[in-house]
Amino acid sequence: MNEGANVQTFFGIPFNLGNDVPGLIAAAIVFFLMFFLARRIEMKPTGKQNVIEWIIDFTNSIIKSTMPNRDSQKFGLLIFTLFSFIFVSNQLGLMLQITVNNVTYVKSPTANVMTTMTLAFMVLLLAHFLGVKKFGFKGYFKNTYLSPIPFLLPISILEEFTNFLTLALRLYGNIYSGEVLLKLIYQFSKAYGIASFVPAVPLEIIWQGFSVFIGSIQAYVFVTLTMVYISQKVEKE
């Protein structure tokens, strides 16, 4: 979809508000939602406390399935935060989209490739940093690129680029295509009056429900692969 850009400069740094505002909105939603769910924590959980504890248990199970040793405990907050942000980001554009002067300020942040590439780059950079921190640069290089045999060095280097691209583009492609189809259904509903509006309503409802499912799956896949990549760097092969 041909969308404009609103670039503003702050302290000499250009910011595209069409990319940045949706991310800030998603982050704010996550913060206030978790703040609300985590208030008045009790020993015997009830109501909203059950929700946040279920999310924590769910993300902890992802960590344990990829890194069963004790080191996995320190990644709990990272995966919890990452999953919550991506999940909300994936659903935001389904609930509301606001466009002003051909720039959409409220949409799914993950429907923008710059957001997903930033998330993927952050995850892989952290994985490499943790590998160097644990084994030292020599041990990290050997474990990452020369294991199981040095002959695979070129393939191991290429794999790092493919991991980055697949992690970013898988999330972006699924969310972006979902929003594009929702816009097409909306345009179709106005094309032929009542003749197109009537069939467009159930199509919109069905696709929104399916998009919620896809957005949830993609959040799960992203954090699972995050832990897989981290475990590859901090565990000896």
C-alpha atoms as a PDB file:
ATOM      1  CA  MET A   1       0.000   0.000   0.000  1.00  0.00           C
ATOM      2  CA  ASN A   2       1.418   3.403  -0.992  1.00  0.00           C
ATOM      3  CA  GLU A   3       1.836   5.245   2.287  1.00  0.00           C
ATOM      4  CA  GLY A   4       3.453   8.608   2.915  1.00  0.00           C
ATOM      5  CA  ALA A   5       6.016   9.515   5.540  1.00  0.00           C
ATOM      6  CA  ASN A   6       6.209  12.240   8.174  1.00  0.00           C
ATOM      7  CA  VAL A   7       9.877  12.732   8.999  1.00  0.00           C
ATOM      8  CA  GLN A   8      10.721  15.059  11.882  1.00  0.00           C
ATOM      9  CA  THR A   9      14.175  15.910  13.179  1.00  0.00           C
ATOM     10  CA  PHE A  10      14.934  15.861  16.914  1.00  0.00           C
ATOM     11  CA  PHE A  11      18.430  16.774  18.115  1.00  0.00           C
ATOM     12  CA  GLY A  12      19.695  16.356  14.575  1.00  0.00           C
ATOM     13  CA  ILE A  13      18.291  12.825  14.227  1.00  0.00           C
ATOM     14  CA  PRO A  14      15.499  12.202  11.671  1.00  0.00           C
ATOM     15  CA  PHE A  15      12.489  10.209  12.897  1.00  0.00           C
ATOM     16  CA  ASN A  16       9.701   8.832  10.723  1.00  0.00           C
ATOM     17  CA  LEU A  17       6.673   9.338  12.939  1.00  0.00           C
ATOM     18  CA  GLY A  18       4.694   6.851  10.861  1.00  0.00           C
ATOM     19  CA  ASN A  19       7.115   4.169  12.082  1.00  0.00           C
ATOM     20  CA  ASP A  20       7.835   5.422  15.597  1.00  0.00           C
ATOM     21  CA  VAL A  21       4.403   6.420  16.917  1.00  0.00           C
ATOM     22  CA  PRO A  22       2.821   2.935  16.533  1.00  0.00           C
ATOM     23  CA  GLY A  23       5.745   1.398  18.428  1.00  0.00           C
ATOM     24  CA  LEU A  24       5.404   3.926  21.239  1.00  0.00           C
ATOM     25  CA  ILE A  25       1.661   3.262  21.445  1.00  0.00           C
ATOM     26  CA  ALA A  26       2.223  -0.511  21.630  1.00  0.00           C
ATOM     27  CA  ALA A  27       4.887  -0.046  24.330  1.00  0.00           C
ATOM     28  CA  ALA A  28       2.554   2.207  26.332  1.00  0.00           C
ATOM     29  CA  ILE A  29      -0.278  -0.333  26.082  1.00  0.00           C
ATOM     30  CA  VAL A  30       2.008  -3.110  27.333  1.00  0.00           C
ATOM     31  CA  PHE A  31       3.277  -0.969  30.214  1.00  0.00           C
ATOM     32  CA  PHE A  32      -0.141   0.115  31.478  1.00  0.00           C
ATOM     33  CA  LEU A  33      -1.675  -3.330  30.929  1.00  0.00           C
ATOM     34  CA  MET A  34       1.050  -5.066  32.928  1.00  0.00           C
ATOM     35  CA  PHE A  35       0.932  -2.342  35.578  1.00  0.00           C
ATOM     36  CA  PHE A  36      -2.805  -2.945  35.925  1.00  0.00           C
ATOM     37  CA  LEU A  37      -2.473  -6.748  36.028  1.00  0.00           C
ATOM     38  CA  ALA A  38       0.424  -6.686  38.518  1.00  0.00           C
ATOM     39  CA  ARG A  39      -1.178  -4.396  41.106  1.00  0.00           C
ATOM     40  CA  ARG A  40      -2.046  -5.876  44.515  1.00  0.00           C
ATOM     41  CA  ILE A  41      -0.204  -9.158  44.074  1.00  0.00           C
ATOM     42  CA  GLU A  42      -1.375 -11.812  46.558  1.00  0.00           C
ATOM     43  CA  MET A  43      -0.065 -15.217  47.607  1.00  0.00           C
ATOM     44  CA  LYS A  44      -3.268 -16.824  46.338  1.00  0.00           C
ATOM     45  CA  PRO A  45      -3.786 -15.452  42.821  1.00  0.00           C
ATOM     46  CA  THR A  46      -7.267 -14.514  41.656  1.00  0.00           C
ATOM     47  CA  GLY A  47      -8.758 -12.638  38.731  1.00  0.00           C
ATOM     48  CA  LYS A  48      -6.314 -10.414  36.852  1.00  0.00           C
ATOM     49  CA  GLN A  49      -3.316 -11.821  38.742  1.00  0.00           C
ATOM     50  CA  ASN A  50      -4.057 -15.194  37.143  1.00  0.00           C
ATOM     51  CA  VAL A  51      -3.666 -13.590  33.710  1.00  0.00           C
ATOM     52  CA  ILE A  52      -0.194 -12.199  34.275  1.00  0.00           C
ATOM     53  CA  GLU A  53       0.955 -15.382  36.025  1.00  0.00           C
ATOM     54  CA  TRP A  54      -0.309 -17.439  33.085  1.00  0.00           C
ATOM     55  CA  ILE A  55       1.702 -15.241  30.687  1.00  0.00           C
ATOM     56  CA  ILE A  56       4.809 -15.637  32.865  1.00  0.00           C
ATOM     57  CA  ASP A  57       4.358 -19.420  33.060  1.00  0.00           C
ATOM     58  CA  PHE A  58       3.843 -19.570  29.288  1.00  0.00           C
ATOM     59  CA  THR A  59       6.997 -17.602  28.466  1.00  0.00           C
ATOM     60  CA  ASN A  60       8.997 -19.542  31.076  1.00  0.00           C
ATOM     61  CA  SER A  61       7.918 -22.802  29.423  1.00  0.00           C
ATOM     62  CA  ILE A  62       9.287 -21.497  26.108  1.00  0.00           C
ATOM     63  CA  ILE A  63      12.627 -20.785  27.770  1.00  0.00           C
ATOM     64  CA  LYS A  64      12.843 -24.168  29.479  1.00  0.00           C
ATOM     65  CA  SER A  65      12.033 -26.022  26.262  1.00  0.00           C
ATOM     66  CA  THR A  66      15.040 -24.474  24.500  1.00  0.00           C
ATOM     67  CA  MET A  67      17.468 -24.068  27.424  1.00  0.00           C
ATOM     68  CA  PRO A  68      16.696 -26.529  30.242  1.00  0.00           C
ATOM     69  CA  ASN A  69      19.711 -25.645  32.452  1.00  0.00           C
ATOM     70  CA  ARG A  70      19.857 -23.080  35.236  1.00  0.00           C
ATOM     71  CA  ASP A  71      21.097 -20.319  32.922  1.00  0.00           C
ATOM     72  CA  SER A  72      17.614 -20.128  31.427  1.00  0.00           C
ATOM     73  CA  GLN A  73      16.207 -18.358  34.505  1.00  0.00           C
ATOM     74  CA  LYS A  74      17.920 -15.053  33.702  1.00  0.00           C
ATOM     75  CA  PHE A  75      16.096 -14.751  30.367  1.00  0.00           C
ATOM     76  CA  GLY A  76      12.610 -14.783  31.895  1.00  0.00           C
ATOM     77  CA  LEU A  77      12.084 -10.999  31.881  1.00  0.00           C
ATOM     78  CA  LEU A  78      13.509 -10.620  28.363  1.00  0.00           C
ATOM     79  CA  ILE A  79      11.200 -13.210  26.806  1.00  0.00           C
ATOM     80  CA  PHE A  80       8.187 -12.032  28.823  1.00  0.00           C
ATOM     81  CA  THR A  81       8.698  -8.430  27.662  1.00  0.00           C
ATOM     82  CA  LEU A  82       9.468  -9.396  24.075  1.00  0.00           C
ATOM     83  CA  PHE A  83       6.428 -11.670  23.796  1.00  0.00           C
ATOM     84  CA  SER A  84       4.089  -9.081  25.343  1.00  0.00           C
ATOM     85  CA  PHE A  85       5.310  -6.287  23.067  1.00  0.00           C
ATOM     86  CA  ILE A  86       5.169  -8.345  19.859  1.00  0.00           C
ATOM     87  CA  PHE A  87       1.752  -9.797  20.727  1.00  0.00           C
ATOM     88  CA  VAL A  88       0.257  -6.344  21.339  1.00  0.00           C
ATOM     89  CA  SER A  89       2.029  -4.936  18.282  1.00  0.00           C
ATOM     90  CA  ASN A  90       0.581  -7.674  16.095  1.00  0.00           C
ATOM     91  CA  GLN A  91      -2.975  -7.008  17.287  1.00  0.00           C
ATOM     92  CA  LEU A  92      -2.909  -3.190  17.388  1.00  0.00           C
ATOM     93  CA  GLY A  93      -3.672  -2.682  13.686  1.00  0.00           C
ATOM     94  CA  LEU A  94      -6.614  -5.080  13.892  1.00  0.00           C
ATOM     95  CA  MET A  95      -8.325  -2.981  16.560  1.00  0.00           C
ATOM     96  CA  LEU A  96      -7.701   0.488  15.164  1.00  0.00           C
ATOM     97  CA  GLN A  97      -5.982   2.280  12.308  1.00  0.00           C
ATOM     98  CA  ILE A  98      -5.760   6.070  12.112  1.00  0.00           C
ATOM     99  CA  THR A  99      -4.448   7.728   8.949  1.00  0.00           C
ATOM    100  CA  VAL A 100      -3.791  11.461   8.591  1.00  0.00           C
ATOM    101  CA  ASN A 101      -2.546  12.953   5.308  1.00  0.00           C
ATOM    102  CA  ASN A 102      -1.711   9.490   3.953  1.00  0.00           C
ATOM    103  CA  VAL A 103       0.407   8.648   7.027  1.00  0.00           C
ATOM    104  CA  THR A 104      -0.911   5.922   9.340  1.00  0.00           C
ATOM    105  CA  TYR A 105      -0.050   6.778  12.939  1.00  0.00           C
ATOM    106  CA  VAL A 106      -1.986   3.969  14.606  1.00  0.00           C
ATOM    107  CA  LYS A 107      -1.318   0.525  13.127  1.00  0.00           C
ATOM    108  CA  SER A 108       0.576  -2.660  13.935  1.00  0.00           C
ATOM    109  CA  PRO A 109       4.244  -1.683  14.421  1.00  0.00           C
ATOM    110  CA  THR A 110       5.253  -5.141  13.215  1.00  0.00           C
ATOM    111  CA  ALA A 111       3.582  -4.436   9.861  1.00  0.00           C
ATOM    112  CA  ASN A 112       6.635  -2.248   9.185  1.00  0.00           C
ATOM    113  CA  VAL A 113       9.805  -4.032   8.125  1.00  0.00           C
ATOM    114  CA  MET A 114      12.040  -1.532   9.953  1.00  0.00           C
ATOM    115  CA  THR A 115      10.459  -2.522  13.269  1.00  0.00           C
ATOM    116  CA  THR A 116      10.845  -6.254  12.730  1.00  0.00           C
ATOM    117  CA  MET A 117      14.416  -5.881  11.443  1.00  0.00           C
ATOM    118  CA  THR A 118      15.270  -3.802  14.517  1.00  0.00           C
ATOM    119  CA  LEU A 119      13.834  -6.468  16.822  1.00  0.00           C
ATOM    120  CA  ALA A 120      15.693  -9.232  14.960  1.00  0.00           C
ATOM    121  CA  PHE A 121      18.971  -7.286  14.997  1.00  0.00           C
ATOM    122  CA  MET A 122      18.617  -6.595  18.722  1.00  0.00           C
ATOM    123  CA  VAL A 123      17.992 -10.281  19.472  1.00  0.00           C
ATOM    124  CA  LEU A 124      20.927 -11.565  17.407  1.00  0.00           C
ATOM    125  CA  LEU A 125      23.277  -8.860  18.720  1.00  0.00           C
ATOM    126  CA  LEU A 126      22.360  -9.872  22.276  1.00  0.00           C
ATOM    127  CA  ALA A 127      22.949 -13.547  21.439  1.00  0.00           C
ATOM    128  CA  HIS A 128      26.450 -12.830  20.099  1.00  0.00           C
ATOM    129  CA  PHE A 129      27.251 -10.589  23.077  1.00  0.00           C
ATOM    130  CA  LEU A 130      26.231 -13.306  25.546  1.00  0.00           C
ATOM    131  CA  GLY A 131      28.347 -15.842  23.661  1.00  0.00           C
ATOM    132  CA  VAL A 132      31.447 -13.626  23.859  1.00  0.00           C
ATOM    133  CA  LYS A 133      30.727 -12.863  27.522  1.00  0.00           C
ATOM    134  CA  LYS A 134      30.529 -16.549  28.455  1.00  0.00           C
ATOM    135  CA  PHE A 135      33.342 -18.073  26.377  1.00  0.00           C
ATOM    136  CA  GLY A 136      35.549 -15.111  25.491  1.00  0.00           C
ATOM    137  CA  PHE A 137      35.962 -14.087  21.856  1.00  0.00           C
ATOM    138  CA  LYS A 138      38.160 -17.074  20.945  1.00  0.00           C
ATOM    139  CA  GLY A 139      35.833 -19.614  22.528  1.00  0.00           C
ATOM    140  CA  TYR A 140      32.787 -17.880  21.083  1.00  0.00           C
ATOM    141  CA  PHE A 141      34.238 -17.909  17.571  1.00  0.00           C
ATOM    142  CA  LYS A 142      35.152 -21.574  17.843  1.00  0.00           C
ATOM    143  CA  ASN A 143      31.765 -22.582  19.261  1.00  0.00           C
ATOM    144  CA  THR A 144      29.771 -20.517  16.750  1.00  0.00           C
ATOM    145  CA  TYR A 145      31.674 -20.795  13.497  1.00  0.00           C
ATOM    146  CA  LEU A 146      34.150 -23.700  13.758  1.00  0.00           C
ATOM    147  CA  SER A 147      31.881 -26.294  15.356  1.00  0.00           C
ATOM    148  CA  PRO A 148      31.395 -29.136  14.563  1.00  0.00           C
ATOM    149  CA  ILE A 149      34.079 -28.821  11.834  1.00  0.00           C
ATOM    150  CA  PRO A 150      35.999 -25.726  10.618  1.00  0.00           C
ATOM    151  CA  PHE A 151      35.152 -26.633   7.014  1.00  0.00           C
ATOM    152  CA  LEU A 152      31.628 -25.267   7.604  1.00  0.00           C
ATOM    153  CA  LEU A 153      32.871 -21.729   8.399  1.00  0.00           C
ATOM    154  CA  PRO A 154      31.411 -20.093   5.221  1.00  0.00           C
ATOM    155  CA  ILE A 155      28.050 -21.779   5.790  1.00  0.00           C
ATOM    156  CA  SER A 156      28.044 -20.734   9.456  1.00  0.00           C
ATOM    157  CA  ILE A 157      28.668 -17.101   8.485  1.00  0.00           C
ATOM    158  CA  LEU A 158      25.917 -17.227   5.850  1.00  0.00           C
ATOM    159  CA  GLU A 159      23.582 -18.744   8.429  1.00  0.00           C
ATOM    160  CA  GLU A 160      23.902 -15.646  10.615  1.00  0.00           C
ATOM    161  CA  PHE A 161      22.536 -13.462   7.791  1.00  0.00           C
ATOM    162  CA  THR A 162      19.738 -15.903   6.950  1.00  0.00           C
ATOM    163  CA  ASN A 163      18.750 -16.107  10.624  1.00  0.00           C
ATOM    164  CA  PHE A 164      18.430 -12.322  10.717  1.00  0.00           C
ATOM    165  CA  LEU A 165      16.393 -12.113   7.524  1.00  0.00           C
ATOM    166  CA  THR A 166      14.044 -14.998   8.311  1.00  0.00           C
ATOM    167  CA  LEU A 167      13.428 -13.783  11.878  1.00  0.00           C
ATOM    168  CA  ALA A 168      12.550 -10.276  10.659  1.00  0.00           C
ATOM    169  CA  LEU A 169      10.724 -11.034   7.420  1.00  0.00           C
ATOM    170  CA  ARG A 170       8.592 -13.895   8.753  1.00  0.00           C
ATOM    171  CA  LEU A 171       7.019 -11.606  11.346  1.00  0.00           C
ATOM    172  CA  TYR A 172       6.719  -8.658   8.974  1.00  0.00           C
ATOM    173  CA  GLY A 173       5.250 -10.663   6.092  1.00  0.00           C
ATOM    174  CA  ASN A 174       2.514 -12.285   8.141  1.00  0.00           C
ATOM    175  CA  ILE A 175       1.353  -9.101   9.883  1.00  0.00           C
ATOM    176  CA  TYR A 176       1.668  -6.812   6.857  1.00  0.00           C
ATOM    177  CA  SER A 177      -0.243  -9.166   4.560  1.00  0.00           C
ATOM    178  CA  GLY A 178      -3.012  -9.465   7.156  1.00  0.00           C
ATOM    179  CA  GLU A 179      -3.447  -5.688   7.356  1.00  0.00           C
ATOM    180  CA  VAL A 180      -3.352  -5.304   3.576  1.00  0.00           C
ATOM    181  CA  LEU A 181      -6.165  -7.850   3.193  1.00  0.00           C
ATOM    182  CA  LEU A 182      -8.238  -6.084   5.855  1.00  0.00           C
ATOM    183  CA  LYS A 183      -7.868  -2.814   3.930  1.00  0.00           C
ATOM    184  CA  LEU A 184      -8.863  -4.530   0.692  1.00  0.00           C
ATOM    185  CA  ILE A 185     -11.980  -6.008   2.305  1.00  0.00           C
ATOM    186  CA  TYR A 186     -12.853  -2.547   3.665  1.00  0.00           C
ATOM    187  CA  GLN A 187     -12.446  -0.992   0.210  1.00  0.00           C
ATOM    188  CA  PHE A 188     -14.538  -3.781  -1.292  1.00  0.00           C
ATOM    189  CA  SER A 189     -17.334  -3.092   1.208  1.00  0.00           C
ATOM    190  CA  LYS A 190     -17.682   0.445  -0.219  1.00  0.00           C
ATOM    191  CA  ALA A 191     -17.257  -0.468  -3.875  1.00  0.00           C
ATOM    192  CA  TYR A 192     -20.802  -1.570  -4.826  1.00  0.00           C
ATOM    193  CA  GLY A 193     -22.953  -0.299  -1.996  1.00  0.00           C
ATOM    194  CA  ILE A 194     -25.117  -2.802  -0.142  1.00  0.00           C
ATOM    195  CA  ALA A 195     -24.225  -5.557  -2.633  1.00  0.00           C
ATOM    196  CA  SER A 196     -20.591  -5.527  -1.506  1.00  0.00           C
ATOM    197  CA  PHE A 197     -21.150  -4.389   2.096  1.00  0.00           C
ATOM    198  CA  VAL A 198     -23.190  -7.452   3.116  1.00  0.00           C
ATOM    199  CA  PRO A 199     -20.604 -10.109   2.107  1.00  0.00           C
ATOM    200  CA  ALA A 200     -17.734  -7.901   3.310  1.00  0.00           C
ATOM    201  CA  VAL A 201     -18.949  -7.905   6.934  1.00  0.00           C
ATOM    202  CA  PRO A 202     -18.557 -11.662   7.586  1.00  0.00           C
ATOM    203  CA  LEU A 203     -15.312 -11.661   5.584  1.00  0.00           C
ATOM    204  CA  GLU A 204     -13.935  -8.905   7.804  1.00  0.00           C
ATOM    205  CA  ILE A 205     -14.973 -10.704  11.002  1.00  0.00           C
ATOM    206  CA  ILE A 206     -13.530 -14.039   9.851  1.00  0.00           C
ATOM    207  CA  TRP A 207     -10.240 -12.531   8.712  1.00  0.00           C
ATOM    208  CA  GLN A 208      -9.852 -10.480  11.904  1.00  0.00           C
ATOM    209  CA  GLY A 209     -10.310 -13.629  13.981  1.00  0.00           C
ATOM    210  CA  PHE A 210      -7.794 -15.470  11.822  1.00  0.00           C
ATOM    211  CA  SER A 211      -5.362 -12.522  12.070  1.00  0.00           C
ATOM    212  CA  VAL A 212      -5.557 -12.627  15.892  1.00  0.00           C
ATOM    213  CA  PHE A 213      -4.568 -16.289  15.720  1.00  0.00           C
ATOM    214  CA  ILE A 214      -1.725 -15.586  13.264  1.00  0.00           C
ATOM    215  CA  GLY A 215      -0.468 -12.676  15.376  1.00  0.00           C
ATOM    216  CA  SER A 216      -0.384 -14.875  18.470  1.00  0.00           C
ATOM    217  CA  ILE A 217       1.458 -17.659  16.651  1.00  0.00           C
ATOM    218  CA  GLN A 218       4.005 -15.230  15.220  1.00  0.00           C
ATOM    219  CA  ALA A 219       4.740 -13.768  18.673  1.00  0.00           C
ATOM    220  CA  TYR A 220       5.289 -17.315  19.955  1.00  0.00           C
ATOM    221  CA  VAL A 221       7.531 -18.231  17.000  1.00  0.00           C
ATOM    222  CA  PHE A 222       9.624 -15.069  17.367  1.00  0.00           C
ATOM    223  CA  VAL A 223      10.403 -15.547  21.065  1.00  0.00           C
ATOM    224  CA  THR A 224      10.999 -19.282  20.583  1.00  0.00           C
ATOM    225  CA  LEU A 225      13.552 -18.609  17.851  1.00  0.00           C
ATOM    226  CA  THR A 226      15.061 -15.891  20.038  1.00  0.00           C
ATOM    227  CA  MET A 227      15.779 -18.464  22.730  1.00  0.00           C
ATOM    228  CA  VAL A 228      17.053 -20.963  20.142  1.00  0.00           C
ATOM    229  CA  TYR A 229      19.563 -18.436  18.794  1.00  0.00           C
ATOM    230  CA  ILE A 230      20.667 -17.408  22.292  1.00  0.00           C
ATOM    231  CA  SER A 231      21.083 -21.040  23.391  1.00  0.00           C
ATOM    232  CA  GLN A 232      23.235 -21.742  20.313  1.00  0.00           C
ATOM    233  CA  LYS A 233      25.636 -19.013  21.413  1.00  0.00           C
ATOM    234  CA  VAL A 234      25.837 -19.746  25.137  1.00  0.00           C
ATOM    235  CA  GLU A 235      25.889 -23.550  25.079  1.00  0.00           C
ATOM    236  CA  LYS A 236      28.732 -25.701  23.773  1.00  0.00           C
ATOM    237  CA  GLU A 237      27.837 -27.816  20.751  1.00  0.00           C
END
